[in-house]
């Protein structure tokens, strides 16, 4: 299947989910993460959920990271050039939804992309080779290209892998893992 078709399919599947299902499956994904050997890292980049798009609720992961005293980094998007600036999430960080419903830091302590050890990557669909389909603007592919080569990339998905995504671009970044409520995929 091509990315355009996958976006339509998985947006429809997510929209069909109840908020109780989203909550339950988001918690299951967070619990799956506890099985990974990633907790010796320091800087964890986490996307903040767009509730209106029925994305995975990342507050459970945020609670785990806080409990393990990790440094959490969040993004502010620039839609003019499809880039993201990273900020340390602290008790003093003020968040505000942008025009697309994405919670973002208003200001704060900037973190260079190269300092980040692990990135939780949002997606709509992924395949058995670690390719992903997002919303199609390339924000995360650009961001991940600026990170260190050894940055760990973990996709989060309510749904299991597709066999393949047929229109992969050379600049598409491949995930190291993808976590679903029932499965841990390693690539």
Protein backbone atom coordinates (compact mmCIF):
# COMPACT_ATOMS: atom_id res chain seq x y z
CA UNK A 1 0.00 0.00 0.00
CA UNK A 2 1.21 3.55 -0.63
CA UNK A 3 1.45 6.21 2.09
CA UNK A 4 -1.59 8.17 0.90
CA UNK A 5 -3.80 5.06 1.18
CA UNK A 6 -2.30 4.15 4.55
CA UNK A 7 -3.03 7.63 5.91
CA UNK A 8 -6.69 7.34 4.93
CA UNK A 9 -7.00 3.79 6.33
CA UNK A 10 -5.33 4.47 9.69
CA UNK A 11 -6.95 7.85 10.30
CA UNK A 12 -10.32 6.09 9.84
CA UNK A 13 -9.30 3.25 12.19
CA UNK A 14 -8.20 5.73 14.87
CA UNK A 15 -11.37 7.81 14.46
CA UNK A 16 -13.42 4.66 15.07
CA UNK A 17 -11.74 4.15 18.46
CA UNK A 18 -13.51 5.29 21.63
CA UNK A 19 -11.66 7.46 24.12
CA UNK A 20 -11.76 4.54 26.58
CA UNK A 21 -10.03 2.30 24.00
CA UNK A 22 -7.41 4.99 23.35
CA UNK A 23 -6.76 5.31 27.06
CA UNK A 24 -6.53 1.53 27.60
CA UNK A 25 -4.29 0.92 24.58
CA UNK A 26 -2.06 3.91 25.38
CA UNK A 27 -1.46 2.44 28.84
CA UNK A 28 -0.68 -0.97 27.28
CA UNK A 29 1.90 0.67 24.98
CA UNK A 30 3.53 2.43 27.95
CA UNK A 31 3.69 -0.89 29.82
CA UNK A 32 5.31 -2.57 26.80
CA UNK A 33 8.05 0.09 26.87
CA UNK A 34 9.06 -1.08 30.33
CA UNK A 35 10.24 -4.35 28.75
CA UNK A 36 12.89 -2.56 26.64
CA UNK A 37 16.49 -2.05 27.71
CA UNK A 38 16.45 1.73 27.12
CA UNK A 39 16.32 3.15 30.62
CA UNK A 40 20.05 3.87 30.93
CA UNK A 41 19.61 6.82 28.52
CA UNK A 42 19.19 10.41 29.71
CA UNK A 43 17.48 12.62 27.08
CA UNK A 44 14.13 11.30 25.83
CA UNK A 45 12.19 13.17 23.14
CA UNK A 46 8.43 12.72 23.49
CA UNK A 47 5.66 14.00 21.25
CA UNK A 48 2.67 15.53 22.99
CA UNK A 49 -0.60 14.03 21.80
CA UNK A 50 -3.13 15.76 19.59
CA UNK A 51 -6.31 14.58 21.28
CA UNK A 52 -8.52 15.68 18.37
CA UNK A 53 -6.60 13.26 16.10
CA UNK A 54 -7.03 10.42 18.60
CA UNK A 55 -3.29 9.97 18.92
CA UNK A 56 -1.67 7.72 21.51
CA UNK A 57 -1.92 9.41 24.89
CA UNK A 58 1.73 9.94 25.80
CA UNK A 59 1.09 11.13 29.37
CA UNK A 60 1.60 7.52 30.59
CA UNK A 61 5.07 7.52 29.04
CA UNK A 62 5.68 10.95 30.53
CA UNK A 63 4.85 9.55 33.98
CA UNK A 64 7.32 6.69 33.48
CA UNK A 65 10.04 9.11 32.38
CA UNK A 66 9.38 11.38 35.36
CA UNK A 67 9.46 8.39 37.72
CA UNK A 68 12.83 7.37 36.31
CA UNK A 69 14.23 10.95 36.56
CA UNK A 70 14.79 11.29 32.82
CA UNK A 71 15.23 14.56 30.94
CA UNK A 72 12.17 14.98 28.69
CA UNK A 73 12.44 17.00 25.50
CA UNK A 74 9.44 18.28 23.48
CA UNK A 75 9.18 20.09 20.14
CA UNK A 76 7.90 23.32 18.78
CA UNK A 77 7.05 23.10 15.06
CA UNK A 78 7.86 25.64 12.37
CA UNK A 79 5.35 25.09 9.56
CA UNK A 80 7.17 27.47 7.21
CA UNK A 81 10.10 25.07 6.76
CA UNK A 82 8.71 21.90 8.43
CA UNK A 83 11.40 21.96 11.10
CA UNK A 84 11.20 21.46 14.86
CA UNK A 85 13.03 23.14 17.73
CA UNK A 86 13.52 21.04 20.87
CA UNK A 87 12.91 22.27 24.42
CA UNK A 88 13.48 20.73 27.82
CA UNK A 89 10.16 19.99 29.53
CA UNK A 90 10.34 21.26 33.10
CA UNK A 91 7.83 22.17 35.81
CA UNK A 92 8.08 25.76 34.53
CA UNK A 93 7.46 24.97 30.85
CA UNK A 94 4.28 26.62 29.61
CA UNK A 95 2.48 24.65 26.91
CA UNK A 96 0.02 26.07 24.43
CA UNK A 97 -1.79 24.38 21.53
CA UNK A 98 -0.78 25.72 18.14
CA UNK A 99 -3.25 26.25 15.28
CA UNK A 100 -3.05 22.51 14.43
CA UNK A 101 -3.91 21.42 17.98
CA UNK A 102 -0.35 20.38 18.86
CA UNK A 103 0.63 21.20 22.47
CA UNK A 104 3.95 23.07 22.27
CA UNK A 105 6.29 24.88 24.65
CA UNK A 106 5.84 28.65 24.57
CA UNK A 107 9.50 29.15 25.49
CA UNK A 108 12.13 27.45 27.60
CA UNK A 109 15.55 25.85 27.51
CA UNK A 110 16.52 24.82 23.98
CA UNK A 111 18.11 21.38 23.55
CA UNK A 112 20.32 20.59 20.53
CA UNK A 113 19.09 17.64 18.42
CA UNK A 114 22.47 15.95 18.92
CA UNK A 115 21.97 15.76 22.70
CA UNK A 116 18.89 13.52 22.41
CA UNK A 117 19.40 9.81 23.14
CA UNK A 118 15.97 8.44 22.24
CA UNK A 119 12.98 9.67 20.23
CA UNK A 120 9.42 8.41 20.55
CA UNK A 121 8.12 8.84 17.01
CA UNK A 122 4.45 9.45 16.16
CA UNK A 123 3.04 7.61 13.16
CA UNK A 124 -0.11 6.53 11.42
CA UNK A 125 1.23 3.22 10.06
CA UNK A 126 4.47 1.24 9.86
CA UNK A 127 5.72 -1.87 8.09
CA UNK A 128 7.68 -4.98 9.02
CA UNK A 129 10.94 -3.33 7.89
CA UNK A 130 10.66 -0.31 10.20
CA UNK A 131 9.41 2.23 7.66
CA UNK A 132 6.69 4.58 8.90
CA UNK A 133 4.00 6.83 7.53
CA UNK A 134 3.22 10.04 9.36
CA UNK A 135 1.05 12.97 8.36
CA UNK A 136 3.24 13.62 5.32
CA UNK A 137 5.12 16.85 6.06
CA UNK A 138 8.47 15.20 6.94
CA UNK A 139 8.96 16.95 10.30
CA UNK A 140 10.31 13.85 12.04
CA UNK A 141 12.47 12.68 9.13
CA UNK A 142 14.21 16.10 9.07
CA UNK A 143 14.55 16.14 12.86
CA UNK A 144 15.91 12.57 13.07
CA UNK A 145 18.43 13.31 10.30
CA UNK A 146 19.87 16.03 12.59
CA UNK A 147 20.16 13.69 15.59
CA UNK A 148 23.17 11.54 16.38
CA UNK A 149 23.57 8.38 14.32
CA UNK A 150 23.03 6.22 17.43
CA UNK A 151 19.77 7.90 18.49
CA UNK A 152 17.15 5.24 19.28
CA UNK A 153 13.94 5.69 17.26
CA UNK A 154 10.80 4.11 18.75
CA UNK A 155 7.50 4.31 16.91
CA UNK A 156 4.24 4.05 18.85
CA UNK A 157 1.16 2.53 17.21
CA UNK A 158 -2.28 1.28 18.19
CA UNK A 159 -2.15 -1.10 15.22
CA UNK A 160 0.11 -3.92 14.04
CA UNK A 161 2.58 -3.68 11.12
CA UNK A 162 1.65 -3.61 7.45
CA UNK A 163 3.65 -6.01 5.29
CA UNK A 164 5.27 -3.13 3.40
CA UNK A 165 4.95 0.53 2.50
CA UNK A 166 5.39 0.74 -1.25
CA UNK A 167 6.50 4.35 -1.78
CA UNK A 168 9.46 4.75 0.56
CA UNK A 169 11.57 7.87 0.02
CA UNK A 170 15.40 7.72 0.43
CA UNK A 171 15.20 10.35 3.22
CA UNK A 172 12.67 8.33 5.25
CA UNK A 173 14.19 7.37 8.58
CA UNK A 174 13.84 3.73 9.66
CA UNK A 175 12.68 2.97 13.19
CA UNK A 176 14.68 0.82 15.61
CA UNK A 177 11.51 -0.37 17.37
CA UNK A 178 7.77 0.03 17.11
CA UNK A 179 5.58 -0.62 20.13
CA UNK A 180 1.94 -1.64 19.92
CA UNK A 181 -0.36 -2.69 22.77
CA UNK A 182 0.41 -6.37 22.02
CA UNK A 183 3.81 -6.44 20.33
CA UNK A 184 7.36 -5.09 20.37
CA UNK A 185 8.79 -4.93 16.85
CA UNK A 186 12.58 -4.77 16.48
CA UNK A 187 14.13 -3.65 13.19
